[in-house]
Amino acid sequence: MRVEHSRMSRREMMVNGACAVAGLALMGSCRRPERAGFKIGVCDWTLGKTTDPASLGMAKRLGLDGV
């Protein structure tokens, strides 16, 4: 019985390696039960409160991490 090996180009190896590293990095931040992973914020004009300090309170009520 003969086993055939598929050939992988250098480019495919680099892409697969980069995907593996990115996956491991994301897995570490998504596994924690607390919100220690990605922080989510918006611009104040997105909330409709340009240059208004009330945008901070609105962001907190929406569960965002920052403005």
PDB file of N, CA and C in Angstrom:
ATOM      1  N   MET A   1       0.840  -1.177   0.000  1.00  0.00           N
ATOM      2  CA  MET A   1       0.000   0.000   0.000  1.00  0.00           C
ATOM      3  C   MET A   1       0.889   1.245   0.000  1.00  0.00           C
ATOM      4  N   ARG A   2       0.617   2.135  -0.915  1.00  0.00           N
ATOM      5  CA  ARG A   2       1.431   3.338  -1.062  1.00  0.00           C
ATOM      6  C   ARG A   2       0.617   4.568  -0.658  1.00  0.00           C
ATOM      7  N   VAL A   3       1.203   5.410   0.157  1.00  0.00           N
ATOM      8  CA  VAL A   3       0.542   6.640   0.603  1.00  0.00           C
ATOM      9  C   VAL A   3       1.054   7.788  -0.247  1.00  0.00           C
ATOM     10  N   GLU A   4       0.119   8.532  -0.821  1.00  0.00           N
ATOM     11  CA  GLU A   4       0.518   9.683  -1.638  1.00  0.00           C
ATOM     12  C   GLU A   4       0.483  10.937  -0.779  1.00  0.00           C
ATOM     13  N   HIS A   5       1.502  11.731  -0.926  1.00  0.00           N
ATOM     14  CA  HIS A   5       1.593  12.986  -0.189  1.00  0.00           C
ATOM     15  C   HIS A   5       1.188  14.128  -1.107  1.00  0.00           C
ATOM     16  N   SER A   6       0.343  15.009  -0.582  1.00  0.00           N
ATOM     17  CA  SER A   6      -0.001  16.188  -1.365  1.00  0.00           C
ATOM     18  C   SER A   6       1.065  17.248  -1.137  1.00  0.00           C
ATOM     19  N   ARG A   7       1.340  17.997  -2.148  1.00  0.00           N
ATOM     20  CA  ARG A   7       2.353  19.037  -2.051  1.00  0.00           C
ATOM     21  C   ARG A   7       1.681  20.360  -1.717  1.00  0.00           C
ATOM     22  N   MET A   8       2.330  21.116  -0.858  1.00  0.00           N
ATOM     23  CA  MET A   8       1.810  22.410  -0.452  1.00  0.00           C
ATOM     24  C   MET A   8       2.822  23.472  -0.864  1.00  0.00           C
ATOM     25  N   SER A   9       2.320  24.533  -1.482  1.00  0.00           N
ATOM     26  CA  SER A   9       3.225  25.601  -1.887  1.00  0.00           C
ATOM     27  C   SER A   9       3.625  26.419  -0.658  1.00  0.00           C
ATOM     28  N   ARG A  10       4.649  27.203  -0.798  1.00  0.00           N
ATOM     29  CA  ARG A  10       5.111  28.061   0.291  1.00  0.00           C
ATOM     30  C   ARG A  10       4.022  29.061   0.667  1.00  0.00           C
ATOM     31  N   ARG A  11       3.331  29.578  -0.335  1.00  0.00           N
ATOM     32  CA  ARG A  11       2.256  30.542  -0.081  1.00  0.00           C
ATOM     33  C   ARG A  11       1.129  29.908   0.730  1.00  0.00           C
ATOM     34  N   GLU A  12       0.728  28.688   0.374  1.00  0.00           N
ATOM     35  CA  GLU A  12      -0.322  27.997   1.122  1.00  0.00           C
ATOM     36  C   GLU A  12       0.110  27.733   2.564  1.00  0.00           C
ATOM     37  N   MET A  13       1.374  27.370   2.756  1.00  0.00           N
ATOM     38  CA  MET A  13       1.881  27.124   4.088  1.00  0.00           C
ATOM     39  C   MET A  13       1.844  28.402   4.935  1.00  0.00           C
ATOM     40  N   MET A  14       2.225  29.545   4.340  1.00  0.00           N
ATOM     41  CA  MET A  14       2.218  30.810   5.069  1.00  0.00           C
ATOM     42  C   MET A  14       0.789  31.224   5.434  1.00  0.00           C
ATOM     43  N   VAL A  15      -0.142  31.064   4.493  1.00  0.00           N
ATOM     44  CA  VAL A  15      -1.542  31.424   4.767  1.00  0.00           C
ATOM     45  C   VAL A  15      -2.112  30.528   5.857  1.00  0.00           C
ATOM     46  N   ASN A  16      -1.876  29.230   5.768  1.00  0.00           N
ATOM     47  CA  ASN A  16      -2.381  28.306   6.786  1.00  0.00           C
ATOM     48  C   ASN A  16      -1.775  28.597   8.150  1.00  0.00           C
ATOM     49  N   GLY A  17      -0.503  28.926   8.190  1.00  0.00           N
ATOM     50  CA  GLY A  17       0.143  29.260   9.451  1.00  0.00           C
ATOM     51  C   GLY A  17      -0.421  30.533  10.054  1.00  0.00           C
ATOM     52  N   ALA A  18      -0.645  31.550   9.208  1.00  0.00           N
ATOM     53  CA  ALA A  18      -1.211  32.814   9.693  1.00  0.00           C
ATOM     54  C   ALA A  18      -2.626  32.604  10.224  1.00  0.00           C
ATOM     55  N   CYS A  19      -3.400  31.774   9.546  1.00  0.00           N
ATOM     56  CA  CYS A  19      -4.762  31.485  10.016  1.00  0.00           C
ATOM     57  C   CYS A  19      -4.728  30.750  11.351  1.00  0.00           C
ATOM     58  N   ALA A  20      -3.793  29.832  11.509  1.00  0.00           N
ATOM     59  CA  ALA A  20      -3.682  29.094  12.764  1.00  0.00           C
ATOM     60  C   ALA A  20      -3.313  30.027  13.908  1.00  0.00           C
ATOM     61  N   VAL A  21      -2.375  30.931  13.680  1.00  0.00           N
ATOM     62  CA  VAL A  21      -1.966  31.880  14.727  1.00  0.00           C
ATOM     63  C   VAL A  21      -3.122  32.810  15.086  1.00  0.00           C
ATOM     64  N   ALA A  22      -3.840  33.313  14.077  1.00  0.00           N
ATOM     65  CA  ALA A  22      -4.978  34.196  14.339  1.00  0.00           C
ATOM     66  C   ALA A  22      -6.070  33.455  15.106  1.00  0.00           C
ATOM     67  N   GLY A  23      -6.322  32.224  14.737  1.00  0.00           N
ATOM     68  CA  GLY A  23      -7.334  31.430  15.434  1.00  0.00           C
ATOM     69  C   GLY A  23      -6.978  31.200  16.887  1.00  0.00           C
ATOM     70  N   LEU A  24      -5.715  30.904  17.157  1.00  0.00           N
ATOM     71  CA  LEU A  24      -5.288  30.700  18.544  1.00  0.00           C
ATOM     72  C   LEU A  24      -5.391  31.992  19.351  1.00  0.00           C
ATOM     73  N   ALA A  25      -5.054  33.112  18.723  1.00  0.00           N
ATOM     74  CA  ALA A  25      -5.140  34.395  19.420  1.00  0.00           C
ATOM     75  C   ALA A  25      -6.593  34.737  19.754  1.00  0.00           C
ATOM     76  N   LEU A  26      -7.500  34.504  18.817  1.00  0.00           N
ATOM     77  CA  LEU A  26      -8.907  34.801  19.063  1.00  0.00           C
ATOM     78  C   LEU A  26      -9.517  33.829  20.062  1.00  0.00           C
ATOM     79  N   MET A  27      -9.090  32.586  20.032  1.00  0.00           N
ATOM     80  CA  MET A  27      -9.633  31.594  20.946  1.00  0.00           C
ATOM     81  C   MET A  27      -9.333  31.974  22.398  1.00  0.00           C
ATOM     82  N   GLY A  28      -8.164  32.517  22.637  1.00  0.00           N
ATOM     83  CA  GLY A  28      -7.801  32.916  23.986  1.00  0.00           C
ATOM     84  C   GLY A  28      -8.657  34.042  24.519  1.00  0.00           C
ATOM     85  N   SER A  29      -9.056  34.977  23.668  1.00  0.00           N
ATOM     86  CA  SER A  29      -9.853  36.113  24.135  1.00  0.00           C
ATOM     87  C   SER A  29     -11.332  35.772  24.217  1.00  0.00           C
ATOM     88  N   CYS A  30     -11.801  34.799  23.480  1.00  0.00           N
ATOM     89  CA  CYS A  30     -13.225  34.450  23.486  1.00  0.00           C
ATOM     90  C   CYS A  30     -13.569  33.438  24.576  1.00  0.00           C
ATOM     91  N   ARG A  31     -12.594  32.784  25.132  1.00  0.00           N
ATOM     92  CA  ARG A  31     -12.831  31.709  26.088  1.00  0.00           C
ATOM     93  C   ARG A  31     -13.163  32.230  27.476  1.00  0.00           C
ATOM     94  N   ARG A  32     -12.741  33.420  27.817  1.00  0.00           N
ATOM     95  CA  ARG A  32     -12.936  33.952  29.163  1.00  0.00           C
ATOM     96  C   ARG A  32     -14.393  34.341  29.385  1.00  0.00           C
ATOM     97  N   PRO A  33     -14.951  34.002  30.544  1.00  0.00           N
ATOM     98  CA  PRO A  33     -16.345  34.359  30.797  1.00  0.00           C
ATOM     99  C   PRO A  33     -16.545  35.859  31.002  1.00  0.00           C
ATOM    100  N   GLU A  34     -15.578  36.555  31.580  1.00  0.00           N
ATOM    101  CA  GLU A  34     -15.723  38.002  31.763  1.00  0.00           C
ATOM    102  C   GLU A  34     -15.414  38.709  30.443  1.00  0.00           C
ATOM    103  N   ARG A  35     -15.734  39.962  30.361  1.00  0.00           N
ATOM    104  CA  ARG A  35     -15.543  40.712  29.117  1.00  0.00           C
ATOM    105  C   ARG A  35     -14.127  41.239  29.037  1.00  0.00           C
ATOM    106  N   ALA A  36     -13.147  40.362  29.035  1.00  0.00           N
ATOM    107  CA  ALA A  36     -11.749  40.774  28.979  1.00  0.00           C
ATOM    108  C   ALA A  36     -11.208  40.731  27.559  1.00  0.00           C
ATOM    109  N   GLY A  37     -11.995  40.282  26.605  1.00  0.00           N
ATOM    110  CA  GLY A  37     -11.541  40.136  25.227  1.00  0.00           C
ATOM    111  C   GLY A  37     -11.553  41.465  24.486  1.00  0.00           C
ATOM    112  N   PHE A  38     -12.404  41.572  23.505  1.00  0.00           N
ATOM    113  CA  PHE A  38     -12.480  42.764  22.671  1.00  0.00           C
ATOM    114  C   PHE A  38     -13.301  43.839  23.362  1.00  0.00           C
ATOM    115  N   LYS A  39     -12.840  45.061  23.248  1.00  0.00           N
ATOM    116  CA  LYS A  39     -13.586  46.187  23.778  1.00  0.00           C
ATOM    117  C   LYS A  39     -14.308  46.862  22.616  1.00  0.00           C
ATOM    118  N   ILE A  40     -15.555  47.251  22.848  1.00  0.00           N
ATOM    119  CA  ILE A  40     -16.388  47.837  21.801  1.00  0.00           C
ATOM    120  C   ILE A  40     -16.710  49.276  22.182  1.00  0.00           C
ATOM    121  N   GLY A  41     -16.448  50.185  21.271  1.00  0.00           N
ATOM    122  CA  GLY A  41     -16.772  51.589  21.462  1.00  0.00           C
ATOM    123  C   GLY A  41     -17.310  52.182  20.172  1.00  0.00           C
ATOM    124  N   VAL A  42     -17.884  53.357  20.259  1.00  0.00           N
ATOM    125  CA  VAL A  42     -18.416  54.052  19.080  1.00  0.00           C
ATOM    126  C   VAL A  42     -17.983  55.510  19.123  1.00  0.00           C
ATOM    127  N   CYS A  43     -18.112  56.162  17.996  1.00  0.00           N
ATOM    128  CA  CYS A  43     -17.868  57.610  17.926  1.00  0.00           C
ATOM    129  C   CYS A  43     -19.096  58.334  18.452  1.00  0.00           C
ATOM    130  N   ASP A  44     -18.885  59.495  19.053  1.00  0.00           N
ATOM    131  CA  ASP A  44     -20.016  60.213  19.643  1.00  0.00           C
ATOM    132  C   ASP A  44     -21.050  60.630  18.604  1.00  0.00           C
ATOM    133  N   TRP A  45     -20.635  60.914  17.380  1.00  0.00           N
ATOM    134  CA  TRP A  45     -21.612  61.308  16.366  1.00  0.00           C
ATOM    135  C   TRP A  45     -22.482  60.133  15.946  1.00  0.00           C
ATOM    136  N   THR A  46     -22.024  58.905  16.155  1.00  0.00           N
ATOM    137  CA  THR A  46     -22.843  57.743  15.843  1.00  0.00           C
ATOM    138  C   THR A  46     -24.021  57.647  16.800  1.00  0.00           C
ATOM    139  N   LEU A  47     -23.820  58.097  18.028  1.00  0.00           N
ATOM    140  CA  LEU A  47     -24.892  58.104  19.023  1.00  0.00           C
ATOM    141  C   LEU A  47     -25.816  59.306  18.873  1.00  0.00           C
ATOM    142  N   GLY A  48     -25.464  60.236  17.990  1.00  0.00           N
ATOM    143  CA  GLY A  48     -26.275  61.437  17.811  1.00  0.00           C
ATOM    144  C   GLY A  48     -26.015  62.490  18.874  1.00  0.00           C
ATOM    145  N   LYS A  49     -24.877  62.392  19.552  1.00  0.00           N
ATOM    146  CA  LYS A  49     -24.548  63.335  20.624  1.00  0.00           C
ATOM    147  C   LYS A  49     -23.142  63.877  20.418  1.00  0.00           C
ATOM    148  N   THR A  50     -22.918  64.547  19.311  1.00  0.00           N
ATOM    149  CA  THR A  50     -21.601  65.086  18.998  1.00  0.00           C
ATOM    150  C   THR A  50     -21.188  66.125  20.025  1.00  0.00           C
ATOM    151  N   THR A  51     -20.004  65.953  20.579  1.00  0.00           N
ATOM    152  CA  THR A  51     -19.399  66.819  21.606  1.00  0.00           C
ATOM    153  C   THR A  51     -20.301  67.014  22.827  1.00  0.00           C
ATOM    154  N   ASP A  52     -21.135  66.023  23.134  1.00  0.00           N
ATOM    155  CA  ASP A  52     -22.029  66.094  24.282  1.00  0.00           C
ATOM    156  C   ASP A  52     -21.582  65.054  25.311  1.00  0.00           C
ATOM    157  N   PRO A  53     -21.273  65.484  26.541  1.00  0.00           N
ATOM    158  CA  PRO A  53     -20.854  64.525  27.560  1.00  0.00           C
ATOM    159  C   PRO A  53     -21.912  63.462  27.882  1.00  0.00           C
ATOM    160  N   ALA A  54     -23.159  63.705  27.503  1.00  0.00           N
ATOM    161  CA  ALA A  54     -24.223  62.717  27.738  1.00  0.00           C
ATOM    162  C   ALA A  54     -24.002  61.447  26.916  1.00  0.00           C
ATOM    163  N   SER A  55     -23.118  61.525  25.913  1.00  0.00           N
ATOM    164  CA  SER A  55     -22.836  60.332  25.102  1.00  0.00           C
ATOM    165  C   SER A  55     -22.176  59.245  25.942  1.00  0.00           C
ATOM    166  N   LEU A  56     -21.446  59.628  27.000  1.00  0.00           N
ATOM    167  CA  LEU A  56     -20.818  58.631  27.870  1.00  0.00           C
ATOM    168  C   LEU A  56     -21.869  57.821  28.630  1.00  0.00           C
ATOM    169  N   GLY A  57     -22.876  58.496  29.133  1.00  0.00           N
ATOM    170  CA  GLY A  57     -23.956  57.793  29.830  1.00  0.00           C
ATOM    171  C   GLY A  57     -24.744  56.889  28.896  1.00  0.00           C
ATOM    172  N   MET A  58     -24.984  57.380  27.683  1.00  0.00           N
ATOM    173  CA  MET A  58     -25.715  56.571  26.717  1.00  0.00           C
ATOM    174  C   MET A  58     -24.922  55.326  26.345  1.00  0.00           C
ATOM    175  N   ALA A  59     -23.613  55.488  26.162  1.00  0.00           N
ATOM    176  CA  ALA A  59     -22.772  54.342  25.827  1.00  0.00           C
ATOM    177  C   ALA A  59     -22.781  53.317  26.954  1.00  0.00           C
ATOM    178  N   LYS A  60     -22.785  53.784  28.187  1.00  0.00           N
ATOM    179  CA  LYS A  60     -22.823  52.867  29.324  1.00  0.00           C
ATOM    180  C   LYS A  60     -24.143  52.109  29.366  1.00  0.00           C
ATOM    181  N   ARG A  61     -25.250  52.802  29.118  1.00  0.00           N
ATOM    182  CA  ARG A  61     -26.554  52.141  29.103  1.00  0.00           C
ATOM    183  C   ARG A  61     -26.641  51.098  27.992  1.00  0.00           C
ATOM    184  N   LEU A  62     -25.963  51.348  26.867  1.00  0.00           N
ATOM    185  CA  LEU A  62     -25.977  50.407  25.740  1.00  0.00           C
ATOM    186  C   LEU A  62     -25.017  49.242  25.938  1.00  0.00           C
ATOM    187  N   GLY A  63     -24.191  49.306  26.983  1.00  0.00           N
ATOM    188  CA  GLY A  63     -23.241  48.224  27.246  1.00  0.00           C
ATOM    189  C   GLY A  63     -21.949  48.349  26.483  1.00  0.00           C
ATOM    190  N   LEU A  64     -21.633  49.544  25.983  1.00  0.00           N
ATOM    191  CA  LEU A  64     -20.395  49.767  25.254  1.00  0.00           C
ATOM    192  C   LEU A  64     -19.253  50.041  26.233  1.00  0.00           C
ATOM    193  N   ASP A  65     -18.037  49.861  25.767  1.00  0.00           N
ATOM    194  CA  ASP A  65     -16.869  50.068  26.627  1.00  0.00           C
ATOM    195  C   ASP A  65     -16.301  51.475  26.544  1.00  0.00           C
ATOM    196  N   GLY A  66     -16.693  52.231  25.545  1.00  0.00           N
ATOM    197  CA  GLY A  66     -16.157  53.581  25.436  1.00  0.00           C
ATOM    198  C   GLY A  66     -16.748  54.362  24.291  1.00  0.00           C
ATOM    199  N   VAL A  67     -16.414  55.658  24.274  1.00  0.00           N
ATOM    200  CA  VAL A  67     -16.863  56.575  23.213  1.00  0.00           C
ATOM    201  C   VAL A  67     -15.620  57.198  22.627  1.00  0.00           C
TER     202      VAL A  67
END
